[in-house]
Amino acid sequence: MKEVFQYTPKGVCSRALVFEIEDGKVTGFEAVGGCSGNLRGIGRLLKGRDIDEVIEVLEGTTCGMKPTSCPDQIAQALKAYKQK
């Protein structure tokens, strides 16, 4: 069954991250705010990927001097999804 999960990221320009998830895989992604082109591209790369794989690849990515980034916040969002 397909689920929709929304997450409010912290420390980045994006205001919301919205995922469609089915059978442990990301089937859709949309970001509200942030760098539109980059986040649309990341969304295309996420489609069909296992949640754990996405977390492993994106967690810890930083943006400039910030301790986080939109990719890191995607990983944090998916970790929060798994904990719910």
N, C-alpha and C. Protein backbone atom coordinates (compact mmCIF):
# COMPACT_ATOMS: atom_id res chain seq x y z
N MET A 1 0.83 -1.17 0.00
CA MET A 1 0.00 0.00 0.00
C MET A 1 0.88 1.25 0.00
N LYS A 2 0.55 2.20 -0.86
CA LYS A 2 1.32 3.44 -0.98
C LYS A 2 0.97 4.38 0.17
N GLU A 3 2.00 4.94 0.80
CA GLU A 3 1.82 5.90 1.88
C GLU A 3 2.42 7.23 1.48
N VAL A 4 1.85 8.31 2.00
CA VAL A 4 2.42 9.63 1.82
C VAL A 4 2.96 10.07 3.18
N PHE A 5 4.20 10.52 3.20
CA PHE A 5 4.85 10.96 4.44
C PHE A 5 5.42 12.35 4.21
N GLN A 6 5.09 13.28 5.11
CA GLN A 6 5.61 14.64 5.01
C GLN A 6 6.50 14.93 6.20
N TYR A 7 7.61 15.61 5.93
CA TYR A 7 8.61 15.92 6.95
C TYR A 7 8.98 17.39 6.84
N THR A 8 9.15 18.05 7.98
CA THR A 8 9.60 19.43 8.01
C THR A 8 11.10 19.43 8.28
N PRO A 9 11.91 19.77 7.28
CA PRO A 9 13.37 19.75 7.45
C PRO A 9 13.86 20.88 8.35
N LYS A 10 15.05 20.68 8.89
CA LYS A 10 15.65 21.66 9.80
C LYS A 10 17.00 22.12 9.24
N GLY A 11 17.24 23.43 9.27
CA GLY A 11 18.53 23.97 8.89
C GLY A 11 18.79 24.09 7.40
N VAL A 12 17.73 23.99 6.59
CA VAL A 12 17.89 24.11 5.13
C VAL A 12 16.80 25.03 4.57
N CYS A 13 16.90 25.36 3.31
CA CYS A 13 15.94 26.26 2.66
C CYS A 13 14.58 25.61 2.42
N SER A 14 14.56 24.32 2.20
CA SER A 14 13.29 23.62 1.96
C SER A 14 12.39 23.73 3.18
N ARG A 15 11.09 23.90 2.93
CA ARG A 15 10.13 24.02 4.02
C ARG A 15 9.40 22.71 4.30
N ALA A 16 9.36 21.81 3.33
CA ALA A 16 8.70 20.52 3.50
C ALA A 16 9.26 19.52 2.50
N LEU A 17 9.33 18.27 2.93
CA LEU A 17 9.72 17.17 2.06
C LEU A 17 8.58 16.17 2.08
N VAL A 18 8.08 15.82 0.91
CA VAL A 18 6.92 14.93 0.81
C VAL A 18 7.33 13.69 0.01
N PHE A 19 7.10 12.53 0.61
CA PHE A 19 7.49 11.26 0.01
C PHE A 19 6.26 10.40 -0.25
N GLU A 20 6.30 9.66 -1.34
CA GLU A 20 5.38 8.54 -1.54
C GLU A 20 6.23 7.30 -1.35
N ILE A 21 5.76 6.40 -0.50
CA ILE A 21 6.53 5.21 -0.15
C ILE A 21 5.64 3.98 -0.30
N GLU A 22 6.19 2.96 -0.92
CA GLU A 22 5.46 1.70 -1.09
C GLU A 22 6.45 0.54 -0.99
N ASP A 23 6.13 -0.42 -0.13
CA ASP A 23 6.96 -1.62 0.05
C ASP A 23 8.42 -1.29 0.34
N GLY A 24 8.65 -0.28 1.18
CA GLY A 24 10.01 0.07 1.59
C GLY A 24 10.82 0.81 0.54
N LYS A 25 10.14 1.29 -0.51
CA LYS A 25 10.83 2.03 -1.57
C LYS A 25 10.19 3.40 -1.77
N VAL A 26 11.01 4.36 -2.15
CA VAL A 26 10.51 5.69 -2.47
C VAL A 26 9.93 5.63 -3.88
N THR A 27 8.65 5.97 -4.01
CA THR A 27 8.02 5.95 -5.34
C THR A 27 7.74 7.36 -5.86
N GLY A 28 7.86 8.35 -4.97
CA GLY A 28 7.67 9.73 -5.37
C GLY A 28 8.27 10.66 -4.34
N PHE A 29 8.68 11.84 -4.78
CA PHE A 29 9.29 12.82 -3.88
C PHE A 29 9.03 14.22 -4.40
N GLU A 30 8.72 15.13 -3.47
CA GLU A 30 8.57 16.54 -3.81
C GLU A 30 9.08 17.37 -2.65
N ALA A 31 9.79 18.44 -2.95
CA ALA A 31 10.25 19.38 -1.94
C ALA A 31 9.53 20.70 -2.14
N VAL A 32 9.17 21.32 -1.03
CA VAL A 32 8.57 22.65 -1.07
C VAL A 32 9.67 23.63 -0.65
N GLY A 33 10.03 24.52 -1.56
CA GLY A 33 11.12 25.46 -1.30
C GLY A 33 12.45 24.81 -1.64
N GLY A 34 13.51 25.53 -1.40
CA GLY A 34 14.84 25.01 -1.70
C GLY A 34 15.23 25.22 -3.15
N CYS A 35 16.29 24.59 -3.57
CA CYS A 35 16.81 24.71 -4.93
C CYS A 35 16.02 23.78 -5.84
N SER A 36 15.07 24.34 -6.53
CA SER A 36 14.09 23.57 -7.29
C SER A 36 14.70 22.54 -8.24
N GLY A 37 15.61 22.97 -9.08
CA GLY A 37 16.20 22.06 -10.07
C GLY A 37 16.96 20.91 -9.41
N ASN A 38 17.77 21.25 -8.41
CA ASN A 38 18.53 20.21 -7.73
C ASN A 38 17.60 19.22 -7.04
N LEU A 39 16.58 19.71 -6.36
CA LEU A 39 15.69 18.81 -5.64
C LEU A 39 14.81 17.99 -6.57
N ARG A 40 14.42 18.54 -7.71
CA ARG A 40 13.68 17.73 -8.70
C ARG A 40 14.58 16.61 -9.22
N GLY A 41 15.86 16.94 -9.46
CA GLY A 41 16.80 15.92 -9.92
C GLY A 41 17.01 14.83 -8.88
N ILE A 42 17.18 15.24 -7.61
CA ILE A 42 17.32 14.26 -6.54
C ILE A 42 16.08 13.39 -6.46
N GLY A 43 14.90 14.01 -6.61
CA GLY A 43 13.65 13.24 -6.59
C GLY A 43 13.62 12.17 -7.65
N ARG A 44 14.11 12.47 -8.83
CA ARG A 44 14.15 11.47 -9.91
C ARG A 44 15.11 10.33 -9.56
N LEU A 45 16.22 10.67 -8.91
CA LEU A 45 17.18 9.64 -8.50
C LEU A 45 16.65 8.76 -7.38
N LEU A 46 15.75 9.29 -6.57
CA LEU A 46 15.21 8.53 -5.45
C LEU A 46 14.18 7.48 -5.87
N LYS A 47 13.48 7.72 -6.96
CA LYS A 47 12.38 6.84 -7.36
C LYS A 47 12.84 5.40 -7.54
N GLY A 48 12.14 4.51 -6.86
CA GLY A 48 12.41 3.08 -6.95
C GLY A 48 13.50 2.60 -6.02
N ARG A 49 14.13 3.51 -5.28
CA ARG A 49 15.21 3.12 -4.38
C ARG A 49 14.69 2.72 -3.01
N ASP A 50 15.36 1.75 -2.42
CA ASP A 50 15.06 1.29 -1.08
C ASP A 50 15.37 2.40 -0.07
N ILE A 51 14.52 2.55 0.92
CA ILE A 51 14.70 3.59 1.94
C ILE A 51 16.08 3.49 2.60
N ASP A 52 16.49 2.29 2.98
CA ASP A 52 17.78 2.13 3.66
C ASP A 52 18.95 2.54 2.77
N GLU A 53 18.85 2.26 1.48
CA GLU A 53 19.89 2.66 0.54
C GLU A 53 19.98 4.19 0.46
N VAL A 54 18.83 4.86 0.41
CA VAL A 54 18.81 6.32 0.33
C VAL A 54 19.44 6.92 1.59
N ILE A 55 19.09 6.39 2.74
CA ILE A 55 19.65 6.88 4.00
C ILE A 55 21.17 6.72 3.99
N GLU A 56 21.63 5.54 3.61
CA GLU A 56 23.07 5.26 3.59
C GLU A 56 23.83 6.22 2.68
N VAL A 57 23.28 6.50 1.51
CA VAL A 57 23.96 7.33 0.53
C VAL A 57 23.93 8.82 0.89
N LEU A 58 22.80 9.31 1.42
CA LEU A 58 22.63 10.75 1.61
C LEU A 58 22.97 11.27 3.00
N GLU A 59 22.89 10.43 4.02
CA GLU A 59 23.10 10.91 5.39
C GLU A 59 24.52 11.47 5.55
N GLY A 60 24.59 12.63 6.20
CA GLY A 60 25.89 13.24 6.47
C GLY A 60 26.36 14.22 5.41
N THR A 61 25.61 14.37 4.33
CA THR A 61 25.96 15.34 3.30
C THR A 61 25.76 16.74 3.86
N THR A 62 26.76 17.60 3.69
CA THR A 62 26.66 18.97 4.19
C THR A 62 26.52 19.95 3.03
N CYS A 63 26.16 21.20 3.38
CA CYS A 63 26.01 22.26 2.38
C CYS A 63 26.83 23.45 2.86
N GLY A 64 27.94 23.70 2.22
CA GLY A 64 28.80 24.80 2.65
C GLY A 64 29.24 24.60 4.08
N MET A 65 29.04 25.60 4.90
CA MET A 65 29.44 25.54 6.31
C MET A 65 28.33 24.96 7.20
N LYS A 66 27.18 24.67 6.62
CA LYS A 66 26.08 24.12 7.40
C LYS A 66 26.38 22.66 7.75
N PRO A 67 25.92 22.21 8.92
CA PRO A 67 26.14 20.82 9.30
C PRO A 67 25.17 19.84 8.63
N THR A 68 24.26 20.35 7.81
CA THR A 68 23.28 19.52 7.13
C THR A 68 23.07 20.04 5.71
N SER A 69 22.17 19.41 4.98
CA SER A 69 21.84 19.80 3.61
C SER A 69 20.48 19.20 3.28
N CYS A 70 19.93 19.55 2.14
CA CYS A 70 18.67 18.92 1.74
C CYS A 70 18.83 17.40 1.59
N PRO A 71 19.91 16.90 0.97
CA PRO A 71 20.08 15.44 0.91
C PRO A 71 20.16 14.81 2.31
N ASP A 72 20.87 15.44 3.23
CA ASP A 72 20.94 14.92 4.60
C ASP A 72 19.56 14.94 5.25
N GLN A 73 18.80 15.99 5.00
CA GLN A 73 17.45 16.07 5.57
C GLN A 73 16.51 15.03 4.96
N ILE A 74 16.73 14.67 3.72
CA ILE A 74 15.97 13.57 3.12
C ILE A 74 16.26 12.29 3.89
N ALA A 75 17.53 12.06 4.19
CA ALA A 75 17.90 10.87 4.98
C ALA A 75 17.26 10.93 6.36
N GLN A 76 17.29 12.10 7.00
CA GLN A 76 16.69 12.23 8.33
C GLN A 76 15.18 11.99 8.27
N ALA A 77 14.55 12.48 7.21
CA ALA A 77 13.11 12.27 7.03
C ALA A 77 12.79 10.79 6.91
N LEU A 78 13.58 10.07 6.13
CA LEU A 78 13.31 8.64 5.94
C LEU A 78 13.60 7.84 7.22
N LYS A 79 14.57 8.30 8.00
CA LYS A 79 14.81 7.67 9.30
C LYS A 79 13.60 7.89 10.22
N ALA A 80 13.04 9.10 10.19
CA ALA A 80 11.85 9.39 10.99
C ALA A 80 10.67 8.55 10.52
N TYR A 81 10.54 8.38 9.22
CA TYR A 81 9.47 7.53 8.67
C TYR A 81 9.60 6.10 9.20
N LYS A 82 10.80 5.58 9.21
CA LYS A 82 11.01 4.20 9.67
C LYS A 82 10.68 4.05 11.17
N GLN A 83 10.87 5.11 11.94
CA GLN A 83 10.63 5.05 13.38
C GLN A 83 9.16 5.20 13.75
N LYS A 84 8.36 5.68 12.82
CA LYS A 84 6.94 5.90 13.16
C LYS A 84 6.15 4.62 13.23
